[in-house]
Amino acid sequence: MNSKQTLLAAGVLGLLAVALGAFGAHALKPSLLANNRLEIFELAVQYQFYHTLALLAIALLLQKKENKLLKVASVLMIVGILLFSGSLFIMAIANVSSLGMITPLGGVCFMGGWGCLIASALRD
C-alpha cells in the first residue's frame, strides 16, 4: 500500500472506530450489558483505535520515504484490525463465542505489523 491508500484506510478505520464506539455506548449498551459483552465490545474499539493511530503514523512515514517494510506493516495492521476487532465486534453484537479462534490471528497480524515497523526503523 502506498502512503495515500494507507492514510485513507486510517481515516476510514478511525471514523468507524468513533462510530462503533458511540453506537456501542448508546444503542447497543443494554444488549451488550444483558449478554455480558460490553467489555468485549470496548476492547474491540480500543484496539481498533490504537492500531488506526499506528496506521496513521505509518502513512506519514510512507509519505516521507517509500519503504517495503512499512507497506507490509500497513497491510498487517489493517488485516489485524479486521480480524481482531472485527471478530470481537461480531462476538459481542451477535452474542456468539465461536469466532474466538479468529481473534488471535488478528493479534499475530498486529505483532507482525509492529515487527515490520521495528525492522524498518533498524534499517534506516
Protein backbone atom coordinates (compact mmCIF):
# COMPACT_ATOMS: atom_id res chain seq x y z
CA MET A 1 0.00 0.00 0.00
CA ASN A 2 1.23 3.47 -0.74
CA SER A 3 1.01 6.45 1.63
CA LYS A 4 -2.27 7.74 0.19
CA GLN A 5 -4.00 4.36 0.47
CA THR A 6 -2.67 3.90 3.99
CA LEU A 7 -3.82 7.37 5.02
CA LEU A 8 -7.25 6.72 3.51
CA ALA A 9 -7.51 3.40 5.38
CA ALA A 10 -6.52 5.12 8.63
CA GLY A 11 -9.19 7.77 8.09
CA VAL A 12 -11.92 5.22 7.35
CA LEU A 13 -10.94 2.94 10.23
CA GLY A 14 -10.70 5.90 12.62
CA LEU A 15 -14.15 7.13 11.59
CA LEU A 16 -15.55 3.63 12.05
CA ALA A 17 -13.95 3.32 15.49
CA VAL A 18 -15.67 6.53 16.62
CA ALA A 19 -19.00 5.49 15.09
CA LEU A 20 -18.87 1.96 16.53
CA GLY A 21 -17.79 3.25 19.92
CA ALA A 22 -20.72 5.69 20.04
CA PHE A 23 -23.14 3.06 18.73
CA GLY A 24 -21.98 0.60 21.37
CA ALA A 25 -22.13 3.16 24.18
CA HIS A 26 -25.68 4.18 23.33
CA ALA A 27 -27.77 1.95 21.07
CA LEU A 28 -26.15 -1.39 21.89
CA LYS A 29 -25.31 -0.86 25.55
CA PRO A 30 -28.44 -2.53 27.02
CA SER A 31 -27.96 -5.61 24.84
CA LEU A 32 -24.21 -5.76 25.46
CA LEU A 33 -24.76 -5.48 29.22
CA ALA A 34 -27.53 -8.10 29.19
CA ASN A 35 -25.25 -10.54 27.36
CA ASN A 36 -22.17 -9.61 29.42
CA ARG A 37 -20.39 -8.50 26.22
CA LEU A 38 -19.72 -4.82 26.89
CA GLU A 39 -16.05 -5.39 27.79
CA ILE A 40 -15.50 -7.36 24.58
CA PHE A 41 -17.03 -4.56 22.53
CA GLU A 42 -14.97 -1.91 24.32
CA LEU A 43 -11.79 -3.94 23.77
CA ALA A 44 -12.57 -4.13 20.05
CA VAL A 45 -12.98 -0.35 19.88
CA GLN A 46 -9.77 0.26 21.87
CA TYR A 47 -7.64 -2.00 19.69
CA GLN A 48 -9.13 -0.52 16.54
CA PHE A 49 -8.21 2.97 17.76
CA TYR A 50 -4.69 2.01 18.83
CA HIS A 51 -3.88 0.35 15.55
CA THR A 52 -5.58 3.03 13.47
CA LEU A 53 -3.25 5.55 15.12
CA ALA A 54 -0.31 3.27 14.30
CA LEU A 55 -1.58 3.07 10.72
CA LEU A 56 -1.73 6.87 10.59
CA ALA A 57 1.89 7.07 11.76
CA ILE A 58 2.90 4.52 9.12
CA ALA A 59 1.10 6.58 6.44
CA LEU A 60 3.05 9.67 7.49
CA LEU A 61 6.32 7.73 7.42
CA LEU A 62 5.46 6.41 3.95
CA GLN A 63 4.95 9.99 2.74
CA LYS A 64 8.48 10.73 3.83
CA LYS A 65 10.04 7.59 2.35
CA GLU A 66 8.54 4.64 0.47
CA ASN A 67 9.63 1.50 2.27
CA LYS A 68 8.59 -2.11 1.66
CA LEU A 69 8.58 -2.96 5.37
CA LEU A 70 6.27 -0.03 6.11
CA LYS A 71 3.96 -1.11 3.30
CA VAL A 72 3.81 -4.61 4.77
CA ALA A 73 3.25 -3.12 8.23
CA SER A 74 0.26 -1.15 6.94
CA VAL A 75 -1.34 -4.24 5.41
CA LEU A 76 -0.76 -6.25 8.58
CA MET A 77 -2.31 -3.51 10.73
CA ILE A 78 -5.40 -3.39 8.52
CA VAL A 79 -5.79 -7.17 8.45
CA GLY A 80 -5.20 -7.22 12.20
CA ILE A 81 -7.99 -4.70 12.77
CA LEU A 82 -10.35 -6.66 10.56
CA LEU A 83 -9.59 -10.00 12.21
CA PHE A 84 -9.06 -8.93 15.83
CA SER A 85 -11.54 -6.10 16.29
CA GLY A 86 -13.91 -7.42 13.65
CA SER A 87 -14.24 -10.82 15.31
CA LEU A 88 -14.72 -9.19 18.73
CA PHE A 89 -17.41 -6.87 17.35
CA ILE A 90 -19.28 -9.80 15.84
CA MET A 91 -18.88 -11.86 19.03
CA ALA A 92 -20.22 -9.00 21.14
CA ILE A 93 -23.10 -7.94 18.90
CA ALA A 94 -24.25 -11.43 17.85
CA ASN A 95 -23.52 -12.89 21.31
CA VAL A 96 -21.54 -15.80 19.88
CA SER A 97 -18.22 -17.21 21.02
CA SER A 98 -17.32 -19.36 18.03
CA LEU A 99 -15.27 -16.59 16.39
CA GLY A 100 -12.88 -16.55 19.34
CA MET A 101 -10.40 -18.64 17.38
CA ILE A 102 -10.08 -15.89 14.72
CA THR A 103 -9.19 -13.14 17.19
CA PRO A 104 -5.63 -14.39 17.90
CA LEU A 105 -4.87 -14.34 14.16
CA GLY A 106 -5.56 -10.62 14.25
CA GLY A 107 -3.20 -10.33 17.21
CA VAL A 108 -0.49 -12.11 15.22
CA CYS A 109 -1.02 -9.63 12.38
CA PHE A 110 -0.69 -6.74 14.85
CA MET A 111 2.58 -8.16 16.16
CA GLY A 112 3.83 -8.64 12.60
CA GLY A 113 2.95 -5.04 11.77
CA TRP A 114 4.79 -3.74 14.82
CA GLY A 115 7.71 -6.03 13.97
CA CYS A 116 7.89 -4.60 10.45
CA LEU A 117 7.84 -1.10 11.92
CA ILE A 118 10.76 -2.02 14.20
CA ALA A 119 12.68 -3.63 11.33
CA SER A 120 12.12 -0.54 9.20
CA ALA A 121 13.50 1.68 11.96
CA LEU A 122 16.55 -0.54 12.37
CA ARG A 123 17.27 -0.46 8.63
CA ASP A 124 17.17 3.32 8.35
